[in-house]
Amino acid sequence: LGGGEEKIAKQHDKGALTARERLDLLFDDGD
């Protein structure tokens, strides 16, 4: 969860993905 739901929401509000969401996109099948 990293910094928690509130911080994740702020990241999304900037139009940015979280660190783990970025890695999910990078690796095959998010694995």
Full PDB file with SEQRES, HELIX, SHEET, SSBOND, CRYST1, ORIGX, SCALE, CONECT and MASTER records, all heavy atoms in Angstrom:
SEQRES   1 A   31  LEU GLY GLY GLY GLU GLU LYS ILE ALA LYS GLN HIS ASP          
SEQRES   2 A   31  LYS GLY ALA LEU THR ALA ARG GLU ARG LEU ASP LEU LEU          
SEQRES   3 A   31  PHE ASP ASP GLY ASP                                          
HELIX    1 AA1 GLU A    5  ASP A   13  1                                   9    
HELIX    2 AA2 ALA A   19  LEU A   26  1                                   8    
HELIX    3 AA3 ASP A   28  GLY A   30  5                                   3    
CRYST1    1.000    1.000    1.000  90.00  90.00  90.00 P 1           1          
ORIGX1      1.000000  0.000000  0.000000        0.00000                         
ORIGX2      0.000000  1.000000  0.000000        0.00000                         
ORIGX3      0.000000  0.000000  1.000000        0.00000                         
SCALE1      1.000000  0.000000  0.000000        0.00000                         
SCALE2      0.000000  1.000000  0.000000        0.00000                         
SCALE3      0.000000  0.000000  1.000000        0.00000                         
ATOM      1  N   LEU A   1       0.820  -1.215   0.000  1.00  0.00           N  
ATOM      2  CA  LEU A   1       0.000   0.000   0.000  1.00  0.00           C  
ATOM      3  C   LEU A   1       0.853   1.263   0.000  1.00  0.00           C  
ATOM      4  O   LEU A   1       0.324   2.362  -0.167  1.00  0.00           O  
ATOM      5  CB  LEU A   1      -0.933   0.011   1.217  1.00  0.00           C  
ATOM      6  CG  LEU A   1      -2.270  -0.699   1.065  1.00  0.00           C  
ATOM      7  CD1 LEU A   1      -3.023  -0.657   2.394  1.00  0.00           C  
ATOM      8  CD2 LEU A   1      -3.107  -0.074  -0.040  1.00  0.00           C  
ATOM      9  N   GLY A   2       2.151   1.110   0.216  1.00  0.00           N  
ATOM     10  CA  GLY A   2       3.035   2.271   0.219  1.00  0.00           C  
ATOM     11  C   GLY A   2       2.628   3.272   1.279  1.00  0.00           C  
ATOM     12  O   GLY A   2       2.456   2.932   2.454  1.00  0.00           O  
ATOM     13  N   GLY A   3       2.419   4.514   0.866  1.00  0.00           N  
ATOM     14  CA  GLY A   3       2.054   5.562   1.820  1.00  0.00           C  
ATOM     15  C   GLY A   3       0.596   5.561   2.213  1.00  0.00           C  
ATOM     16  O   GLY A   3       0.162   6.428   2.975  1.00  0.00           O  
ATOM     17  N   GLY A   4      -0.178   4.613   1.704  1.00  0.00           N  
ATOM     18  CA  GLY A   4      -1.581   4.514   2.083  1.00  0.00           C  
ATOM     19  C   GLY A   4      -2.517   5.059   1.014  1.00  0.00           C  
ATOM     20  O   GLY A   4      -2.107   5.698   0.048  1.00  0.00           O  
ATOM     21  N   GLU A   5      -3.803   4.775   1.203  1.00  0.00           N  
ATOM     22  CA  GLU A   5      -4.816   5.120   0.200  1.00  0.00           C  
ATOM     23  C   GLU A   5      -4.862   6.614  -0.100  1.00  0.00           C  
ATOM     24  O   GLU A   5      -5.039   7.030  -1.254  1.00  0.00           O  
ATOM     25  CB  GLU A   5      -6.198   4.646   0.682  1.00  0.00           C  
ATOM     26  CG  GLU A   5      -6.324   3.135   0.866  1.00  0.00           C  
ATOM     27  CD  GLU A   5      -6.313   2.394  -0.463  1.00  0.00           C  
ATOM     28  OE1 GLU A   5      -6.306   3.063  -1.523  1.00  0.00           O  
ATOM     29  OE2 GLU A   5      -6.282   1.144  -0.450  1.00  0.00           O  
ATOM     30  N   GLU A   6      -4.706   7.453   0.926  1.00  0.00           N  
ATOM     31  CA  GLU A   6      -4.781   8.905   0.714  1.00  0.00           C  
ATOM     32  C   GLU A   6      -3.637   9.397  -0.175  1.00  0.00           C  
ATOM     33  O   GLU A   6      -3.843  10.180  -1.107  1.00  0.00           O  
ATOM     34  CB  GLU A   6      -4.738   9.619   2.073  1.00  0.00           C  
ATOM     35  CG  GLU A   6      -4.959  11.110   1.957  1.00  0.00           C  
ATOM     36  CD  GLU A   6      -4.964  11.796   3.318  1.00  0.00           C  
ATOM     37  OE1 GLU A   6      -5.300  11.125   4.326  1.00  0.00           O  
ATOM     38  OE2 GLU A   6      -4.621  12.991   3.368  1.00  0.00           O  
ATOM     39  N   LYS A   7      -2.432   8.912   0.088  1.00  0.00           N  
ATOM     40  CA  LYS A   7      -1.275   9.310  -0.723  1.00  0.00           C  
ATOM     41  C   LYS A   7      -1.392   8.748  -2.149  1.00  0.00           C  
ATOM     42  O   LYS A   7      -1.008   9.410  -3.112  1.00  0.00           O  
ATOM     43  CB  LYS A   7       0.020   8.802  -0.071  1.00  0.00           C  
ATOM     44  CG  LYS A   7       0.350   9.442   1.276  1.00  0.00           C  
ATOM     45  CD  LYS A   7       0.917  10.832   1.066  1.00  0.00           C  
ATOM     46  CE  LYS A   7       1.334  11.462   2.404  1.00  0.00           C  
ATOM     47  NZ  LYS A   7       2.494  10.789   3.007  1.00  0.00           N  
ATOM     48  N   ILE A   8      -1.923   7.539  -2.264  1.00  0.00           N  
ATOM     49  CA  ILE A   8      -2.129   6.945  -3.591  1.00  0.00           C  
ATOM     50  C   ILE A   8      -3.118   7.794  -4.393  1.00  0.00           C  
ATOM     51  O   ILE A   8      -2.923   8.045  -5.584  1.00  0.00           O  
ATOM     52  CB  ILE A   8      -2.616   5.487  -3.471  1.00  0.00           C  
ATOM     53  CG1 ILE A   8      -1.476   4.604  -2.942  1.00  0.00           C  
ATOM     54  CG2 ILE A   8      -3.113   4.961  -4.818  1.00  0.00           C  
ATOM     55  CD1 ILE A   8      -1.909   3.187  -2.599  1.00  0.00           C  
ATOM     56  N   ALA A   9      -4.170   8.242  -3.733  1.00  0.00           N  
ATOM     57  CA  ALA A   9      -5.165   9.082  -4.406  1.00  0.00           C  
ATOM     58  C   ALA A   9      -4.535  10.379  -4.897  1.00  0.00           C  
ATOM     59  O   ALA A   9      -4.837  10.856  -6.003  1.00  0.00           O  
ATOM     60  CB  ALA A   9      -6.327   9.374  -3.461  1.00  0.00           C  
ATOM     61  N   LYS A  10      -3.660  10.969  -4.091  1.00  0.00           N  
ATOM     62  CA  LYS A  10      -2.973  12.198  -4.512  1.00  0.00           C  
ATOM     63  C   LYS A  10      -2.090  11.941  -5.734  1.00  0.00           C  
ATOM     64  O   LYS A  10      -1.998  12.779  -6.638  1.00  0.00           O  
ATOM     65  CB  LYS A  10      -2.117  12.737  -3.354  1.00  0.00           C  
ATOM     66  CG  LYS A  10      -2.911  13.393  -2.243  1.00  0.00           C  
ATOM     67  CD  LYS A  10      -1.986  13.958  -1.169  1.00  0.00           C  
ATOM     68  CE  LYS A  10      -2.778  14.646  -0.071  1.00  0.00           C  
ATOM     69  NZ  LYS A  10      -1.898  15.190   0.997  1.00  0.00           N  
ATOM     70  N   GLN A  11      -1.449  10.792  -5.751  1.00  0.00           N  
ATOM     71  CA  GLN A  11      -0.618  10.426  -6.899  1.00  0.00           C  
ATOM     72  C   GLN A  11      -1.485  10.323  -8.159  1.00  0.00           C  
ATOM     73  O   GLN A  11      -1.121  10.833  -9.221  1.00  0.00           O  
ATOM     74  CB  GLN A  11       0.105   9.099  -6.615  1.00  0.00           C  
ATOM     75  CG  GLN A  11       1.114   8.675  -7.660  1.00  0.00           C  
ATOM     76  CD  GLN A  11       2.454   9.357  -7.517  1.00  0.00           C  
ATOM     77  OE1 GLN A  11       2.595  10.354  -6.805  1.00  0.00           O  
ATOM     78  NE2 GLN A  11       3.458   8.850  -8.218  1.00  0.00           N  
ATOM     79  N   HIS A  12      -2.625   9.679  -8.033  1.00  0.00           N  
ATOM     80  CA  HIS A  12      -3.540   9.534  -9.164  1.00  0.00           C  
ATOM     81  C   HIS A  12      -4.111  10.881  -9.595  1.00  0.00           C  
ATOM     82  O   HIS A  12      -4.326  11.121 -10.788  1.00  0.00           O  
ATOM     83  CB  HIS A  12      -4.668   8.568  -8.818  1.00  0.00           C  
ATOM     84  CG  HIS A  12      -4.213   7.149  -8.727  1.00  0.00           C  
ATOM     85  ND1 HIS A  12      -4.969   6.164  -8.100  1.00  0.00           N  
ATOM     86  CD2 HIS A  12      -3.084   6.527  -9.154  1.00  0.00           C  
ATOM     87  CE1 HIS A  12      -4.327   5.009  -8.169  1.00  0.00           C  
ATOM     88  NE2 HIS A  12      -3.177   5.213  -8.803  1.00  0.00           N  
ATOM     89  N   ASP A  13      -4.354  11.754  -8.648  1.00  0.00           N  
ATOM     90  CA  ASP A  13      -4.884  13.090  -8.969  1.00  0.00           C  
ATOM     91  C   ASP A  13      -3.909  13.889  -9.833  1.00  0.00           C  
ATOM     92  O   ASP A  13      -4.327  14.759 -10.609  1.00  0.00           O  
ATOM     93  CB  ASP A  13      -5.185  13.871  -7.683  1.00  0.00           C  
ATOM     94  CG  ASP A  13      -6.412  13.338  -6.947  1.00  0.00           C  
ATOM     95  OD1 ASP A  13      -7.194  12.586  -7.571  1.00  0.00           O  
ATOM     96  OD2 ASP A  13      -6.571  13.650  -5.753  1.00  0.00           O  
ATOM     97  N   LYS A  14      -2.619  13.611  -9.699  1.00  0.00           N  
ATOM     98  CA  LYS A  14      -1.602  14.273 -10.530  1.00  0.00           C  
ATOM     99  C   LYS A  14      -1.550  13.677 -11.936  1.00  0.00           C  
ATOM    100  O   LYS A  14      -0.795  14.162 -12.786  1.00  0.00           O  
ATOM    101  CB  LYS A  14      -0.212  14.138  -9.889  1.00  0.00           C  
ATOM    102  CG  LYS A  14      -0.036  14.855  -8.569  1.00  0.00           C  
ATOM    103  CD  LYS A  14       1.419  14.832  -8.104  1.00  0.00           C  
ATOM    104  CE  LYS A  14       1.914  13.435  -7.817  1.00  0.00           C  
ATOM    105  NZ  LYS A  14       3.290  13.421  -7.256  1.00  0.00           N  
ATOM    106  N   GLY A  15      -2.312  12.601 -12.143  1.00  0.00           N  
ATOM    107  CA  GLY A  15      -2.239  11.897 -13.422  1.00  0.00           C  
ATOM    108  C   GLY A  15      -1.125  10.879 -13.458  1.00  0.00           C  
ATOM    109  O   GLY A  15      -0.793  10.351 -14.528  1.00  0.00           O  
ATOM    110  N   ALA A  16      -0.554  10.592 -12.279  1.00  0.00           N  
ATOM    111  CA  ALA A  16       0.581   9.670 -12.196  1.00  0.00           C  
ATOM    112  C   ALA A  16       0.146   8.318 -11.654  1.00  0.00           C  
ATOM    113  O   ALA A  16      -0.817   8.206 -10.886  1.00  0.00           O  
ATOM    114  CB  ALA A  16       1.668  10.258 -11.298  1.00  0.00           C  
ATOM    115  N   LEU A  17       0.878   7.292 -12.040  1.00  0.00           N  
ATOM    116  CA  LEU A  17       0.678   5.961 -11.478  1.00  0.00           C  
ATOM    117  C   LEU A  17       1.558   5.791 -10.242  1.00  0.00           C  
ATOM    118  O   LEU A  17       2.526   6.537 -10.049  1.00  0.00           O  
ATOM    119  CB  LEU A  17       1.037   4.897 -12.512  1.00  0.00           C  
ATOM    120  CG  LEU A  17       0.232   4.893 -13.819  1.00  0.00           C  
ATOM    121  CD1 LEU A  17       0.796   3.854 -14.780  1.00  0.00           C  
ATOM    122  CD2 LEU A  17      -1.242   4.636 -13.554  1.00  0.00           C  
ATOM    123  N   THR A  18       1.255   4.799  -9.436  1.00  0.00           N  
ATOM    124  CA  THR A  18       2.124   4.490  -8.303  1.00  0.00           C  
ATOM    125  C   THR A  18       3.312   3.655  -8.787  1.00  0.00           C  
ATOM    126  O   THR A  18       3.319   3.154  -9.922  1.00  0.00           O  
ATOM    127  CB  THR A  18       1.364   3.693  -7.231  1.00  0.00           C  
ATOM    128  OG1 THR A  18       0.999   2.413  -7.770  1.00  0.00           O  
ATOM    129  CG2 THR A  18       0.116   4.437  -6.768  1.00  0.00           C  
ATOM    130  N   ALA A  19       4.282   3.492  -7.917  1.00  0.00           N  
ATOM    131  CA  ALA A  19       5.477   2.711  -8.270  1.00  0.00           C  
ATOM    132  C   ALA A  19       5.098   1.299  -8.704  1.00  0.00           C  
ATOM    133  O   ALA A  19       5.591   0.785  -9.717  1.00  0.00           O  
ATOM    134  CB  ALA A  19       6.438   2.663  -7.079  1.00  0.00           C  
ATOM    135  N   ARG A  20       4.213   0.665  -7.973  1.00  0.00           N  
ATOM    136  CA  ARG A  20       3.848  -0.723  -8.286  1.00  0.00           C  
ATOM    137  C   ARG A  20       2.986  -0.815  -9.548  1.00  0.00           C  
ATOM    138  O   ARG A  20       3.085  -1.786 -10.304  1.00  0.00           O  
ATOM    139  CB  ARG A  20       3.155  -1.367  -7.083  1.00  0.00           C  
ATOM    140  CG  ARG A  20       4.096  -1.514  -5.894  1.00  0.00           C  
ATOM    141  CD  ARG A  20       3.417  -2.061  -4.655  1.00  0.00           C  
ATOM    142  NE  ARG A  20       4.338  -1.997  -3.532  1.00  0.00           N  
ATOM    143  CZ  ARG A  20       5.282  -2.907  -3.283  1.00  0.00           C  
ATOM    144  NH1 ARG A  20       5.405  -3.950  -4.089  1.00  0.00           N  
ATOM    145  NH2 ARG A  20       6.088  -2.768  -2.242  1.00  0.00           N  
ATOM    146  N   GLU A  21       2.153   0.190  -9.779  1.00  0.00           N  
ATOM    147  CA  GLU A  21       1.361   0.205 -11.017  1.00  0.00           C  
ATOM    148  C   GLU A  21       2.283   0.341 -12.234  1.00  0.00           C  
ATOM    149  O   GLU A  21       2.036  -0.263 -13.286  1.00  0.00           O  
ATOM    150  CB  GLU A  21       0.350   1.355 -10.973  1.00  0.00           C  
ATOM    151  CG  GLU A  21      -0.795   1.102 -10.002  1.00  0.00           C  
ATOM    152  CD  GLU A  21      -1.634   2.339  -9.735  1.00  0.00           C  
ATOM    153  OE1 GLU A  21      -1.157   3.475 -10.022  1.00  0.00           O  
ATOM    154  OE2 GLU A  21      -2.763   2.191  -9.225  1.00  0.00           O  
ATOM    155  N   ARG A  22       3.324   1.115 -12.086  1.00  0.00           N  
ATOM    156  CA  ARG A  22       4.295   1.260 -13.182  1.00  0.00           C  
ATOM    157  C   ARG A  22       5.007  -0.059 -13.454  1.00  0.00           C  
ATOM    158  O   ARG A  22       5.203  -0.441 -14.607  1.00  0.00           O  
ATOM    159  CB  ARG A  22       5.303   2.352 -12.824  1.00  0.00           C  
ATOM    160  CG  ARG A  22       4.706   3.756 -12.813  1.00  0.00           C  
ATOM    161  CD  ARG A  22       5.577   4.759 -12.086  1.00  0.00           C  
ATOM    162  NE  ARG A  22       5.016   6.113 -12.159  1.00  0.00           N  
ATOM    163  CZ  ARG A  22       5.408   7.128 -11.409  1.00  0.00           C  
ATOM    164  NH1 ARG A  22       6.370   6.957 -10.498  1.00  0.00           N  
ATOM    165  NH2 ARG A  22       4.860   8.315 -11.546  1.00  0.00           N  
ATOM    166  N   LEU A  23       5.379  -0.750 -12.392  1.00  0.00           N  
ATOM    167  CA  LEU A  23       6.049  -2.047 -12.558  1.00  0.00           C  
ATOM    168  C   LEU A  23       5.109  -3.081 -13.162  1.00  0.00           C  
ATOM    169  O   LEU A  23       5.532  -3.932 -13.962  1.00  0.00           O  
ATOM    170  CB  LEU A  23       6.591  -2.531 -11.217  1.00  0.00           C  
ATOM    171  CG  LEU A  23       7.756  -1.710 -10.654  1.00  0.00           C  
ATOM    172  CD1 LEU A  23       8.027  -2.094  -9.203  1.00  0.00           C  
ATOM    173  CD2 LEU A  23       9.014  -1.884 -11.491  1.00  0.00           C  
ATOM    174  N   ASP A  24       3.832  -3.003 -12.811  1.00  0.00           N  
ATOM    175  CA  ASP A  24       2.854  -3.914 -13.410  1.00  0.00           C  
ATOM    176  C   ASP A  24       2.818  -3.751 -14.925  1.00  0.00           C  
ATOM    177  O   ASP A  24       2.664  -4.728 -15.666  1.00  0.00           O  
ATOM    178  CB  ASP A  24       1.455  -3.656 -12.839  1.00  0.00           C  
ATOM    179  CG  ASP A  24       1.300  -4.180 -11.416  1.00  0.00           C  
ATOM    180  OD1 ASP A  24       2.122  -5.024 -11.000  1.00  0.00           O  
ATOM    181  OD2 ASP A  24       0.361  -3.735 -10.725  1.00  0.00           O  
ATOM    182  N   LEU A  25       2.962  -2.520 -15.393  1.00  0.00           N  
ATOM    183  CA  LEU A  25       2.962  -2.255 -16.834  1.00  0.00           C  
ATOM    184  C   LEU A  25       4.262  -2.700 -17.495  1.00  0.00           C  
ATOM    185  O   LEU A  25       4.263  -3.148 -18.647  1.00  0.00           O  
ATOM    186  CB  LEU A  25       2.748  -0.763 -17.103  1.00  0.00           C  
ATOM    187  CG  LEU A  25       1.351  -0.200 -16.885  1.00  0.00           C  
ATOM    188  CD1 LEU A  25       1.354   1.303 -17.166  1.00  0.00           C  
ATOM    189  CD2 LEU A  25       0.337  -0.888 -17.785  1.00  0.00           C  
ATOM    190  N   LEU A  26       5.366  -2.569 -16.772  1.00  0.00           N  
ATOM    191  CA  LEU A  26       6.674  -2.880 -17.342  1.00  0.00           C  
ATOM    192  C   LEU A  26       6.850  -4.382 -17.566  1.00  0.00           C  
ATOM    193  O   LEU A  26       7.293  -4.805 -18.648  1.00  0.00           O  
ATOM    194  CB  LEU A  26       7.783  -2.350 -16.429  1.00  0.00           C  
ATOM    195  CG  LEU A  26       9.219  -2.670 -16.852  1.00  0.00           C  
ATOM    196  CD1 LEU A  26       9.568  -1.984 -18.172  1.00  0.00           C  
ATOM    197  CD2 LEU A  26      10.203  -2.248 -15.752  1.00  0.00           C  
ATOM    198  N   PHE A  27       6.520  -5.171 -16.574  1.00  0.00           N  
ATOM    199  CA  PHE A  27       6.819  -6.604 -16.631  1.00  0.00           C  
ATOM    200  C   PHE A  27       5.695  -7.389 -17.301  1.00  0.00           C  
ATOM    201  O   PHE A  27       4.517  -7.037 -17.183  1.00  0.00           O  
ATOM    202  CB  PHE A  27       7.085  -7.144 -15.226  1.00  0.00           C  
ATOM    203  CG  PHE A  27       8.375  -6.656 -14.631  1.00  0.00           C  
ATOM    204  CD1 PHE A  27       8.377  -5.703 -13.626  1.00  0.00           C  
ATOM    205  CD2 PHE A  27       9.590  -7.136 -15.105  1.00  0.00           C  
ATOM    206  CE1 PHE A  27       9.578  -5.250 -13.087  1.00  0.00           C  
ATOM    207  CE2 PHE A  27      10.783  -6.689 -14.574  1.00  0.00           C  
ATOM    208  CZ  PHE A  27      10.782  -5.741 -13.572  1.00  0.00           C  
ATOM    209  N   ASP A  28       6.067  -8.449 -17.980  1.00  0.00           N  
ATOM    210  CA  ASP A  28       5.100  -9.308 -18.665  1.00  0.00           C  
ATOM    211  C   ASP A  28       4.037  -9.786 -17.677  1.00  0.00           C  
ATOM    212  O   ASP A  28       4.363 -10.370 -16.630  1.00  0.00           O  
ATOM    213  CB  ASP A  28       5.807 -10.523 -19.278  1.00  0.00           C  
ATOM    214  CG  ASP A  28       6.824 -10.137 -20.345  1.00  0.00           C  
ATOM    215  OD1 ASP A  28       6.822  -8.952 -20.761  1.00  0.00           O  
ATOM    216  OD2 ASP A  28       7.615 -11.006 -20.747  1.00  0.00           O  
ATOM    217  N   ASP A  29       2.782  -9.521 -17.998  1.00  0.00           N  
ATOM    218  CA  ASP A  29       1.639  -9.935 -17.165  1.00  0.00           C  
ATOM    219  C   ASP A  29       1.717  -9.379 -15.743  1.00  0.00           C  
ATOM    220  O   ASP A  29       1.097  -9.934 -14.821  1.00  0.00           O  
ATOM    221  CB  ASP A  29       1.533 -11.465 -17.109  1.00  0.00           C  
ATOM    222  CG  ASP A  29       1.362 -12.080 -18.492  1.00  0.00           C  
ATOM    223  OD1 ASP A  29       0.617 -11.502 -19.302  1.00  0.00           O  
ATOM    224  OD2 ASP A  29       1.998 -13.112 -18.749  1.00  0.00           O  
ATOM    225  N   GLY A  30       2.500  -8.297 -15.537  1.00  0.00           N  
ATOM    226  CA  GLY A  30       2.632  -7.710 -14.204  1.00  0.00           C  
ATOM    227  C   GLY A  30       3.290  -8.627 -13.203  1.00  0.00           C  
ATOM    228  O   GLY A  30       3.130  -8.465 -11.978  1.00  0.00           O  
ATOM    229  N   ASP A  31       4.062  -9.582 -13.698  1.00  0.00           N  
ATOM    230  CA  ASP A  31       4.662 -10.614 -12.837  1.00  0.00           C  
ATOM    231  C   ASP A  31       6.133 -10.294 -12.577  1.00  0.00           C  
ATOM    232  O   ASP A  31       6.936 -10.260 -13.510  1.00  0.00           O  
ATOM    233  CB  ASP A  31       4.525 -11.975 -13.516  1.00  0.00           C  
ATOM    234  CG  ASP A  31       5.094 -13.100 -12.662  1.00  0.00           C  
ATOM    235  OD1 ASP A  31       5.176 -12.933 -11.425  1.00  0.00           O  
ATOM    236  OD2 ASP A  31       5.467 -14.148 -13.232  1.00  0.00           O  
TER     237      ASP A  31                                                      
MASTER        0    0    0    3    0    0    0    6  236    1    0    3          
END                                                                             
